[in-house]
Amino acid sequence: MGSPTHDKNTQVSFLKQRLNMFLDVLDAIDPEDTDLDDIDNLIKMIDELESKCKEFNHREAPESV
């Protein structure tokens, strides 16, 4: 992975990309064919997104000039 980002705009962009990826996966799932592994993967994606949000909230961003 890359180095940690402290820029709020970059963090928000990252989170938006991850959320859009989750929504794409969710849209692609056929409810009739969904199994427990699919649901587990969705939950894992949400957990990772939540973890990244918490990580960004706890980082101290340098002051903007």
C-alpha atoms as a PDB file:
ATOM      1  CA  MET A   1       0.000   0.000   0.000  1.00  0.00           C
ATOM      2  CA  GLY A   2       0.955   3.648  -0.225  1.00  0.00           C
ATOM      3  CA  SER A   3       1.882   6.026   2.513  1.00  0.00           C
ATOM      4  CA  PRO A   4      -0.849   7.293   4.840  1.00  0.00           C
ATOM      5  CA  THR A   5      -2.689  10.346   3.614  1.00  0.00           C
ATOM      6  CA  HIS A   6      -3.348  13.255   5.928  1.00  0.00           C
ATOM      7  CA  ASP A   7      -5.085  15.458   3.370  1.00  0.00           C
ATOM      8  CA  LYS A   8      -8.807  15.627   4.094  1.00  0.00           C
ATOM      9  CA  ASN A   9      -9.751  15.985   0.410  1.00  0.00           C
ATOM     10  CA  THR A  10      -7.752  12.886  -0.487  1.00  0.00           C
ATOM     11  CA  GLN A  11      -9.313  10.990   2.415  1.00  0.00           C
ATOM     12  CA  VAL A  12     -12.833  11.957   1.330  1.00  0.00           C
ATOM     13  CA  SER A  13     -12.067  10.976  -2.278  1.00  0.00           C
ATOM     14  CA  PHE A  14     -10.769   7.611  -1.107  1.00  0.00           C
ATOM     15  CA  LEU A  15     -13.889   6.993   0.987  1.00  0.00           C
ATOM     16  CA  LYS A  16     -16.158   7.995  -1.899  1.00  0.00           C
ATOM     17  CA  GLN A  17     -14.369   5.572  -4.218  1.00  0.00           C
ATOM     18  CA  ARG A  18     -14.696   2.750  -1.712  1.00  0.00           C
ATOM     19  CA  LEU A  19     -18.370   3.521  -1.120  1.00  0.00           C
ATOM     20  CA  ASN A  20     -19.036   3.598  -4.860  1.00  0.00           C
ATOM     21  CA  MET A  21     -17.247   0.263  -5.213  1.00  0.00           C
ATOM     22  CA  PHE A  22     -19.477  -1.184  -2.488  1.00  0.00           C
ATOM     23  CA  LEU A  23     -22.593   0.184  -4.208  1.00  0.00           C
ATOM     24  CA  ASP A  24     -21.476  -1.310  -7.538  1.00  0.00           C
ATOM     25  CA  VAL A  25     -21.050  -4.715  -5.922  1.00  0.00           C
ATOM     26  CA  LEU A  26     -24.422  -4.377  -4.202  1.00  0.00           C
ATOM     27  CA  ASP A  27     -26.135  -3.467  -7.476  1.00  0.00           C
ATOM     28  CA  ALA A  28     -24.528  -6.439  -9.244  1.00  0.00           C
ATOM     29  CA  ILE A  29     -25.795  -8.996  -6.750  1.00  0.00           C
ATOM     30  CA  ASP A  30     -28.857 -10.958  -7.773  1.00  0.00           C
ATOM     31  CA  PRO A  31     -30.993 -11.448  -4.636  1.00  0.00           C
ATOM     32  CA  GLU A  32     -32.173 -14.836  -5.932  1.00  0.00           C
ATOM     33  CA  ASP A  33     -28.600 -16.133  -6.242  1.00  0.00           C
ATOM     34  CA  THR A  34     -27.034 -14.505  -3.174  1.00  0.00           C
ATOM     35  CA  ASP A  35     -25.524 -16.867  -0.630  1.00  0.00           C
ATOM     36  CA  LEU A  36     -23.986 -16.408   2.808  1.00  0.00           C
ATOM     37  CA  ASP A  37     -20.504 -15.892   1.356  1.00  0.00           C
ATOM     38  CA  ASP A  38     -21.809 -12.941  -0.666  1.00  0.00           C
ATOM     39  CA  ILE A  39     -23.385 -11.416   2.438  1.00  0.00           C
ATOM     40  CA  ASP A  40     -20.184 -12.015   4.421  1.00  0.00           C
ATOM     41  CA  ASN A  41     -18.172 -10.229   1.723  1.00  0.00           C
ATOM     42  CA  LEU A  42     -20.552  -7.247   1.825  1.00  0.00           C
ATOM     43  CA  ILE A  43     -20.259  -7.069   5.599  1.00  0.00           C
ATOM     44  CA  LYS A  44     -16.461  -7.243   5.297  1.00  0.00           C
ATOM     45  CA  MET A  45     -16.495  -4.349   2.830  1.00  0.00           C
ATOM     46  CA  ILE A  46     -18.634  -2.275   5.215  1.00  0.00           C
ATOM     47  CA  ASP A  47     -16.352  -3.126   8.135  1.00  0.00           C
ATOM     48  CA  GLU A  48     -13.285  -2.069   6.144  1.00  0.00           C
ATOM     49  CA  LEU A  49     -14.969   1.178   5.145  1.00  0.00           C
ATOM     50  CA  GLU A  50     -15.905   1.876   8.761  1.00  0.00           C
ATOM     51  CA  SER A  51     -12.369   1.097   9.887  1.00  0.00           C
ATOM     52  CA  LYS A  52     -10.921   3.515   7.319  1.00  0.00           C
ATOM     53  CA  CYS A  53     -13.362   6.239   8.441  1.00  0.00           C
ATOM     54  CA  LYS A  54     -12.253   5.785  12.038  1.00  0.00           C
ATOM     55  CA  GLU A  55      -8.607   5.807  10.997  1.00  0.00           C
ATOM     56  CA  PHE A  56      -9.067   9.069   9.104  1.00  0.00           C
ATOM     57  CA  ASN A  57     -10.955  10.625  12.020  1.00  0.00           C
ATOM     58  CA  HIS A  58      -8.110   9.835  14.409  1.00  0.00           C
ATOM     59  CA  ARG A  59      -5.325  11.133  12.192  1.00  0.00           C
ATOM     60  CA  GLU A  60      -4.226  14.661  12.770  1.00  0.00           C
ATOM     61  CA  ALA A  61      -4.130  16.512   9.495  1.00  0.00           C
ATOM     62  CA  PRO A  62      -1.517  19.252   9.112  1.00  0.00           C
ATOM     63  CA  GLU A  63      -2.842  22.793   9.129  1.00  0.00           C
ATOM     64  CA  SER A  64      -3.716  24.226   5.718  1.00  0.00           C
ATOM     65  CA  VAL A  65      -2.094  27.491   4.645  1.00  0.00           C
END
